[in-house]
């Protein structure tokens, strides 16, 4: 499992375990799975989608950035 934390300037939007995360990267949408290589990327307008045990959830965003390291995904976005 991945540990995902999504924060906006106003609040923590999500903090928990997920199976995967899809983000709207500057060079195109990409998916983050368990054991993904470390990465830092800027995000464009689009949708952050993440899969939990309860199902698939989506969050429209206006940009931000994502960092991945050791199965921890941190997403800072403007919603």
PDB file of N, CA and C in Angstrom:
ATOM      1  N   UNK A   1       0.835  -1.187   0.000  1.00  0.00           N
ATOM      2  CA  UNK A   1       0.000   0.000   0.000  1.00  0.00           C
ATOM      3  C   UNK A   1       0.878   1.249   0.000  1.00  0.00           C
ATOM      4  N   UNK A   2       0.298   2.318  -0.524  1.00  0.00           N
ATOM      5  CA  UNK A   2       0.934   3.627  -0.513  1.00  0.00           C
ATOM      6  C   UNK A   2       0.337   4.477   0.602  1.00  0.00           C
ATOM      7  N   UNK A   3       1.115   5.357   1.154  1.00  0.00           N
ATOM      8  CA  UNK A   3       0.618   6.331   2.135  1.00  0.00           C
ATOM      9  C   UNK A   3       0.455   7.643   1.379  1.00  0.00           C
ATOM     10  N   UNK A   4      -0.777   8.119   1.241  1.00  0.00           N
ATOM     11  CA  UNK A   4      -1.068   9.320   0.471  1.00  0.00           C
ATOM     12  C   UNK A   4      -1.521  10.445   1.385  1.00  0.00           C
ATOM     13  N   UNK A   5      -0.948  11.624   1.164  1.00  0.00           N
ATOM     14  CA  UNK A   5      -1.391  12.823   1.864  1.00  0.00           C
ATOM     15  C   UNK A   5      -1.607  13.908   0.815  1.00  0.00           C
ATOM     16  N   UNK A   6      -2.844  14.400   0.753  1.00  0.00           N
ATOM     17  CA  UNK A   6      -3.185  15.483  -0.163  1.00  0.00           C
ATOM     18  C   UNK A   6      -3.505  16.705   0.682  1.00  0.00           C
ATOM     19  N   UNK A   7      -2.779  17.796   0.429  1.00  0.00           N
ATOM     20  CA  UNK A   7      -3.022  19.033   1.172  1.00  0.00           C
ATOM     21  C   UNK A   7      -3.289  20.178   0.200  1.00  0.00           C
ATOM     22  N   UNK A   8      -4.165  21.077   0.636  1.00  0.00           N
ATOM     23  CA  UNK A   8      -4.419  22.314  -0.089  1.00  0.00           C
ATOM     24  C   UNK A   8      -4.058  23.446   0.862  1.00  0.00           C
ATOM     25  N   UNK A   9      -4.036  24.691   0.398  1.00  0.00           N
ATOM     26  CA  UNK A   9      -3.734  25.793   1.319  1.00  0.00           C
ATOM     27  C   UNK A   9      -4.732  25.885   2.481  1.00  0.00           C
ATOM     28  N   UNK A  10      -5.936  25.385   2.290  1.00  0.00           N
ATOM     29  CA  UNK A  10      -6.967  25.488   3.314  1.00  0.00           C
ATOM     30  C   UNK A  10      -6.979  24.350   4.326  1.00  0.00           C
ATOM     31  N   UNK A  11      -6.659  23.122   3.875  1.00  0.00           N
ATOM     32  CA  UNK A  11      -6.826  21.968   4.759  1.00  0.00           C
ATOM     33  C   UNK A  11      -6.131  20.727   4.218  1.00  0.00           C
ATOM     34  N   UNK A  12      -6.090  19.688   5.050  1.00  0.00           N
ATOM     35  CA  UNK A  12      -5.664  18.366   4.597  1.00  0.00           C
ATOM     36  C   UNK A  12      -6.888  17.719   3.954  1.00  0.00           C
ATOM     37  N   UNK A  13      -6.803  17.434   2.668  1.00  0.00           N
ATOM     38  CA  UNK A  13      -7.929  16.881   1.917  1.00  0.00           C
ATOM     39  C   UNK A  13      -8.053  15.385   2.152  1.00  0.00           C
ATOM     40  N   UNK A  14      -6.918  14.673   2.195  1.00  0.00           N
ATOM     41  CA  UNK A  14      -6.924  13.223   2.404  1.00  0.00           C
ATOM     42  C   UNK A  14      -5.615  12.822   3.046  1.00  0.00           C
ATOM     43  N   UNK A  15      -5.672  11.862   3.954  1.00  0.00           N
ATOM     44  CA  UNK A  15      -4.479  11.310   4.578  1.00  0.00           C
ATOM     45  C   UNK A  15      -4.785   9.858   4.911  1.00  0.00           C
ATOM     46  N   UNK A  16      -4.213   8.920   4.145  1.00  0.00           N
ATOM     47  CA  UNK A  16      -4.498   7.520   4.395  1.00  0.00           C
ATOM     48  C   UNK A  16      -3.797   6.604   3.417  1.00  0.00           C
ATOM     49  N   UNK A  17      -4.163   5.330   3.475  1.00  0.00           N
ATOM     50  CA  UNK A  17      -3.558   4.309   2.633  1.00  0.00           C
ATOM     51  C   UNK A  17      -4.363   4.138   1.347  1.00  0.00           C
ATOM     52  N   UNK A  18      -3.632   4.004   0.240  1.00  0.00           N
ATOM     53  CA  UNK A  18      -4.259   3.814  -1.061  1.00  0.00           C
ATOM     54  C   UNK A  18      -3.502   2.739  -1.839  1.00  0.00           C
ATOM     55  N   UNK A  19      -4.167   2.223  -2.870  1.00  0.00           N
ATOM     56  CA  UNK A  19      -3.532   1.229  -3.737  1.00  0.00           C
ATOM     57  C   UNK A  19      -2.789   1.884  -4.893  1.00  0.00           C
ATOM     58  N   UNK A  20      -3.324   3.022  -5.387  1.00  0.00           N
ATOM     59  CA  UNK A  20      -2.681   3.742  -6.483  1.00  0.00           C
ATOM     60  C   UNK A  20      -3.150   5.192  -6.495  1.00  0.00           C
ATOM     61  N   UNK A  21      -2.372   6.025  -7.184  1.00  0.00           N
ATOM     62  CA  UNK A  21      -2.699   7.441  -7.342  1.00  0.00           C
ATOM     63  C   UNK A  21      -2.399   7.823  -8.788  1.00  0.00           C
ATOM     64  N   UNK A  22      -3.319   8.546  -9.419  1.00  0.00           N
ATOM     65  CA  UNK A  22      -3.098   9.068 -10.764  1.00  0.00           C
ATOM     66  C   UNK A  22      -3.156  10.581 -10.687  1.00  0.00           C
ATOM     67  N   UNK A  23      -2.140  11.250 -11.254  1.00  0.00           N
ATOM     68  CA  UNK A  23      -2.037  12.703 -11.166  1.00  0.00           C
ATOM     69  C   UNK A  23      -1.850  13.317 -12.553  1.00  0.00           C
ATOM     70  N   UNK A  24      -2.290  14.583 -12.716  1.00  0.00           N
ATOM     71  CA  UNK A  24      -2.127  15.275 -14.007  1.00  0.00           C
ATOM     72  C   UNK A  24      -0.777  15.993 -14.090  1.00  0.00           C
ATOM     73  N   UNK A  25       0.274  15.258 -14.396  1.00  0.00           N
ATOM     74  CA  UNK A  25       1.613  15.841 -14.478  1.00  0.00           C
ATOM     75  C   UNK A  25       1.743  16.828 -15.621  1.00  0.00           C
ATOM     76  N   UNK A  26       2.747  17.671 -15.553  1.00  0.00           N
ATOM     77  CA  UNK A  26       2.979  18.674 -16.589  1.00  0.00           C
ATOM     78  C   UNK A  26       3.206  18.042 -17.957  1.00  0.00           C
ATOM     79  N   UNK A  27       3.853  16.882 -17.978  1.00  0.00           N
ATOM     80  CA  UNK A  27       4.116  16.185 -19.249  1.00  0.00           C
ATOM     81  C   UNK A  27       3.056  15.146 -19.568  1.00  0.00           C
ATOM     82  N   UNK A  28       1.977  15.120 -18.796  1.00  0.00           N
ATOM     83  CA  UNK A  28       0.903  14.165 -19.025  1.00  0.00           C
ATOM     84  C   UNK A  28       0.550  13.421 -17.751  1.00  0.00           C
ATOM     85  N   UNK A  29      -0.600  12.787 -17.787  1.00  0.00           N
ATOM     86  CA  UNK A  29      -1.097  12.050 -16.627  1.00  0.00           C
ATOM     87  C   UNK A  29      -0.208  10.825 -16.368  1.00  0.00           C
ATOM     88  N   UNK A  30       0.057  10.535 -15.082  1.00  0.00           N
ATOM     89  CA  UNK A  30       0.791   9.320 -14.768  1.00  0.00           C
ATOM     90  C   UNK A  30       0.291   8.712 -13.469  1.00  0.00           C
ATOM     91  N   UNK A  31       0.512   7.400 -13.361  1.00  0.00           N
ATOM     92  CA  UNK A  31       0.019   6.629 -12.216  1.00  0.00           C
ATOM     93  C   UNK A  31       1.173   6.259 -11.300  1.00  0.00           C
ATOM     94  N   UNK A  32       0.905   6.313 -10.012  1.00  0.00           N
ATOM     95  CA  UNK A  32       1.896   5.953  -9.000  1.00  0.00           C
ATOM     96  C   UNK A  32       1.405   4.688  -8.311  1.00  0.00           C
ATOM     97  N   UNK A  33       2.246   3.665  -8.320  1.00  0.00           N
ATOM     98  CA  UNK A  33       1.935   2.382  -7.688  1.00  0.00           C
ATOM     99  C   UNK A  33       2.970   2.096  -6.602  1.00  0.00           C
ATOM    100  N   UNK A  34       2.769   1.039  -5.845  1.00  0.00           N
ATOM    101  CA  UNK A  34       3.710   0.640  -4.800  1.00  0.00           C
ATOM    102  C   UNK A  34       5.105   0.464  -5.407  1.00  0.00           C
ATOM    103  N   UNK A  35       6.112   0.927  -4.685  1.00  0.00           N
ATOM    104  CA  UNK A  35       7.523   0.848  -5.082  1.00  0.00           C
ATOM    105  C   UNK A  35       7.860   1.716  -6.297  1.00  0.00           C
ATOM    106  N   UNK A  36       7.089   2.781  -6.529  1.00  0.00           N
ATOM    107  CA  UNK A  36       7.387   3.719  -7.605  1.00  0.00           C
ATOM    108  C   UNK A  36       8.736   4.378  -7.328  1.00  0.00           C
ATOM    109  N   UNK A  37       9.463   4.690  -8.374  1.00  0.00           N
ATOM    110  CA  UNK A  37      10.746   5.383  -8.230  1.00  0.00           C
ATOM    111  C   UNK A  37      10.522   6.766  -7.614  1.00  0.00           C
ATOM    112  N   UNK A  38      11.478   7.260  -6.841  1.00  0.00           N
ATOM    113  CA  UNK A  38      11.349   8.610  -6.282  1.00  0.00           C
ATOM    114  C   UNK A  38      11.184   9.640  -7.401  1.00  0.00           C
ATOM    115  N   UNK A  39      10.285  10.599  -7.184  1.00  0.00           N
ATOM    116  CA  UNK A  39      10.012  11.604  -8.207  1.00  0.00           C
ATOM    117  C   UNK A  39       9.425  12.848  -7.546  1.00  0.00           C
ATOM    118  N   UNK A  40       9.691  13.983  -8.158  1.00  0.00           N
ATOM    119  CA  UNK A  40       9.010  15.234  -7.824  1.00  0.00           C
ATOM    120  C   UNK A  40       8.537  15.797  -9.153  1.00  0.00           C
ATOM    121  N   UNK A  41       7.244  16.158  -9.229  1.00  0.00           N
ATOM    122  CA  UNK A  41       6.682  16.657 -10.478  1.00  0.00           C
ATOM    123  C   UNK A  41       5.687  17.768 -10.196  1.00  0.00           C
ATOM    124  N   UNK A  42       5.633  18.728 -11.094  1.00  0.00           N
ATOM    125  CA  UNK A  42       4.586  19.750 -11.010  1.00  0.00           C
ATOM    126  C   UNK A  42       3.312  19.172 -11.617  1.00  0.00           C
ATOM    127  N   UNK A  43       2.174  19.719 -11.189  1.00  0.00           N
ATOM    128  CA  UNK A  43       0.874  19.253 -11.673  1.00  0.00           C
ATOM    129  C   UNK A  43       0.158  20.383 -12.393  1.00  0.00           C
ATOM    130  N   UNK A  44      -0.651  20.009 -13.378  1.00  0.00           N
ATOM    131  CA  UNK A  44      -1.453  20.966 -14.118  1.00  0.00           C
ATOM    132  C   UNK A  44      -2.913  20.815 -13.732  1.00  0.00           C
ATOM    133  N   UNK A  45      -3.753  21.603 -14.364  1.00  0.00           N
ATOM    134  CA  UNK A  45      -5.197  21.471 -14.157  1.00  0.00           C
ATOM    135  C   UNK A  45      -5.621  20.070 -14.582  1.00  0.00           C
ATOM    136  N   UNK A  46      -6.403  19.419 -13.750  1.00  0.00           N
ATOM    137  CA  UNK A  46      -6.864  18.069 -14.047  1.00  0.00           C
ATOM    138  C   UNK A  46      -7.488  17.437 -12.825  1.00  0.00           C
ATOM    139  N   UNK A  47      -7.358  16.128 -12.739  1.00  0.00           N
ATOM    140  CA  UNK A  47      -7.967  15.375 -11.645  1.00  0.00           C
ATOM    141  C   UNK A  47      -6.953  14.449 -11.001  1.00  0.00           C
ATOM    142  N   UNK A  48      -6.889  14.493  -9.677  1.00  0.00           N
ATOM    143  CA  UNK A  48      -6.118  13.512  -8.918  1.00  0.00           C
ATOM    144  C   UNK A  48      -7.089  12.396  -8.552  1.00  0.00           C
ATOM    145  N   UNK A  49      -6.767  11.181  -8.955  1.00  0.00           N
ATOM    146  CA  UNK A  49      -7.624  10.032  -8.685  1.00  0.00           C
ATOM    147  C   UNK A  49      -6.849   9.040  -7.834  1.00  0.00           C
ATOM    148  N   UNK A  50      -7.493   8.528  -6.777  1.00  0.00           N
ATOM    149  CA  UNK A  50      -6.820   7.560  -5.924  1.00  0.00           C
ATOM    150  C   UNK A  50      -7.778   6.442  -5.563  1.00  0.00           C
ATOM    151  N   UNK A  51      -7.203   5.242  -5.407  1.00  0.00           N
ATOM    152  CA  UNK A  51      -7.993   4.041  -5.145  1.00  0.00           C
ATOM    153  C   UNK A  51      -7.725   3.576  -3.725  1.00  0.00           C
ATOM    154  N   UNK A  52      -8.799   3.543  -2.924  1.00  0.00           N
ATOM    155  CA  UNK A  52      -8.719   3.046  -1.552  1.00  0.00           C
ATOM    156  C   UNK A  52      -9.451   1.707  -1.497  1.00  0.00           C
ATOM    157  N   UNK A  53      -9.470   1.092  -0.324  1.00  0.00           N
ATOM    158  CA  UNK A  53     -10.220  -0.157  -0.159  1.00  0.00           C
ATOM    159  C   UNK A  53     -11.711   0.062  -0.382  1.00  0.00           C
ATOM    160  N   UNK A  54     -12.180   1.307  -0.133  1.00  0.00           N
ATOM    161  CA  UNK A  54     -13.602   1.632  -0.288  1.00  0.00           C
ATOM    162  C   UNK A  54     -13.978   1.928  -1.734  1.00  0.00           C
ATOM    163  N   UNK A  55     -12.986   2.223  -2.586  1.00  0.00           N
ATOM    164  CA  UNK A  55     -13.285   2.523  -3.983  1.00  0.00           C
ATOM    165  C   UNK A  55     -12.404   3.621  -4.540  1.00  0.00           C
ATOM    166  N   UNK A  56     -12.809   4.101  -5.720  1.00  0.00           N
ATOM    167  CA  UNK A  56     -12.046   5.119  -6.439  1.00  0.00           C
ATOM    168  C   UNK A  56     -12.605   6.502  -6.102  1.00  0.00           C
ATOM    169  N   UNK A  57     -11.709   7.434  -5.740  1.00  0.00           N
ATOM    170  CA  UNK A  57     -12.098   8.796  -5.403  1.00  0.00           C
ATOM    171  C   UNK A  57     -11.354   9.769  -6.313  1.00  0.00           C
ATOM    172  N   UNK A  58     -12.002  10.884  -6.648  1.00  0.00           N
ATOM    173  CA  UNK A  58     -11.398  11.868  -7.536  1.00  0.00           C
ATOM    174  C   UNK A  58     -11.466  13.258  -6.922  1.00  0.00           C
ATOM    175  N   UNK A  59     -10.448  14.062  -7.235  1.00  0.00           N
ATOM    176  CA  UNK A  59     -10.378  15.425  -6.744  1.00  0.00           C
ATOM    177  C   UNK A  59      -9.922  16.333  -7.887  1.00  0.00           C
ATOM    178  N   UNK A  60     -10.793  17.246  -8.364  1.00  0.00           N
ATOM    179  CA  UNK A  60     -10.355  18.187  -9.395  1.00  0.00           C
ATOM    180  C   UNK A  60      -9.362  19.184  -8.806  1.00  0.00           C
ATOM    181  N   UNK A  61      -8.278  19.453  -9.539  1.00  0.00           N
ATOM    182  CA  UNK A  61      -7.242  20.366  -9.047  1.00  0.00           C
ATOM    183  C   UNK A  61      -6.893  21.400 -10.118  1.00  0.00           C
ATOM    184  N   UNK A  62      -6.345  22.530  -9.662  1.00  0.00           N
ATOM    185  CA  UNK A  62      -5.931  23.601 -10.573  1.00  0.00           C
ATOM    186  C   UNK A  62      -4.422  23.713 -10.664  1.00  0.00           C
ATOM    187  N   UNK A  63      -3.712  22.704 -10.193  1.00  0.00           N
ATOM    188  CA  UNK A  63      -2.260  22.710 -10.241  1.00  0.00           C
ATOM    189  C   UNK A  63      -1.677  22.357  -8.885  1.00  0.00           C
ATOM    190  N   UNK A  64      -0.344  22.219  -8.858  1.00  0.00           N
ATOM    191  CA  UNK A  64       0.335  21.881  -7.617  1.00  0.00           C
ATOM    192  C   UNK A  64       1.588  21.089  -7.903  1.00  0.00           C
ATOM    193  N   UNK A  65       1.944  20.220  -6.953  1.00  0.00           N
ATOM    194  CA  UNK A  65       3.083  19.340  -7.185  1.00  0.00           C
ATOM    195  C   UNK A  65       2.894  18.046  -6.399  1.00  0.00           C
ATOM    196  N   UNK A  66       3.656  17.023  -6.799  1.00  0.00           N
ATOM    197  CA  UNK A  66       3.617  15.719  -6.138  1.00  0.00           C
ATOM    198  C   UNK A  66       5.046  15.269  -5.890  1.00  0.00           C
ATOM    199  N   UNK A  67       5.258  14.621  -4.745  1.00  0.00           N
ATOM    200  CA  UNK A  67       6.548  13.988  -4.475  1.00  0.00           C
ATOM    201  C   UNK A  67       6.285  12.558  -4.023  1.00  0.00           C
ATOM    202  N   UNK A  68       7.152  11.666  -4.479  1.00  0.00           N
ATOM    203  CA  UNK A  68       7.036  10.240  -4.139  1.00  0.00           C
ATOM    204  C   UNK A  68       8.388   9.775  -3.626  1.00  0.00           C
ATOM    205  N   UNK A  69       8.370   9.109  -2.467  1.00  0.00           N
ATOM    206  CA  UNK A  69       9.593   8.518  -1.933  1.00  0.00           C
ATOM    207  C   UNK A  69       9.215   7.434  -0.941  1.00  0.00           C
ATOM    208  N   UNK A  70       9.754   6.243  -1.154  1.00  0.00           N
ATOM    209  CA  UNK A  70       9.569   5.106  -0.245  1.00  0.00           C
ATOM    210  C   UNK A  70       8.091   4.867   0.079  1.00  0.00           C
ATOM    211  N   UNK A  71       7.270   4.779  -0.968  1.00  0.00           N
ATOM    212  CA  UNK A  71       5.828   4.500  -0.856  1.00  0.00           C
ATOM    213  C   UNK A  71       5.048   5.565  -0.100  1.00  0.00           C
ATOM    214  N   UNK A  72       5.618   6.762   0.015  1.00  0.00           N
ATOM    215  CA  UNK A  72       4.904   7.901   0.576  1.00  0.00           C
ATOM    216  C   UNK A  72       4.699   8.914  -0.536  1.00  0.00           C
ATOM    217  N   UNK A  73       3.439   9.259  -0.780  1.00  0.00           N
ATOM    218  CA  UNK A  73       3.064  10.195  -1.822  1.00  0.00           C
ATOM    219  C   UNK A  73       2.496  11.445  -1.167  1.00  0.00           C
ATOM    220  N   UNK A  74       3.121  12.580  -1.419  1.00  0.00           N
ATOM    221  CA  UNK A  74       2.652  13.862  -0.894  1.00  0.00           C
ATOM    222  C   UNK A  74       2.224  14.728  -2.068  1.00  0.00           C
ATOM    223  N   UNK A  75       0.980  15.182  -2.020  1.00  0.00           N
ATOM    224  CA  UNK A  75       0.428  16.008  -3.089  1.00  0.00           C
ATOM    225  C   UNK A  75      -0.020  17.332  -2.474  1.00  0.00           C
ATOM    226  N   UNK A  76       0.510  18.416  -3.014  1.00  0.00           N
ATOM    227  CA  UNK A  76       0.120  19.755  -2.586  1.00  0.00           C
ATOM    228  C   UNK A  76      -0.597  20.388  -3.764  1.00  0.00           C
ATOM    229  N   UNK A  77      -1.884  20.718  -3.590  1.00  0.00           N
ATOM    230  CA  UNK A  77      -2.680  21.169  -4.717  1.00  0.00           C
ATOM    231  C   UNK A  77      -3.492  22.410  -4.391  1.00  0.00           C
ATOM    232  N   UNK A  78      -3.895  23.077  -5.450  1.00  0.00           N
ATOM    233  CA  UNK A  78      -4.856  24.156  -5.354  1.00  0.00           C
ATOM    234  C   UNK A  78      -6.176  23.581  -5.884  1.00  0.00           C
ATOM    235  N   UNK A  79      -7.198  23.571  -5.040  1.00  0.00           N
ATOM    236  CA  UNK A  79      -8.480  22.978  -5.449  1.00  0.00           C
ATOM    237  C   UNK A  79      -9.497  24.041  -5.791  1.00  0.00           C
TER     238      UNK A  79
END
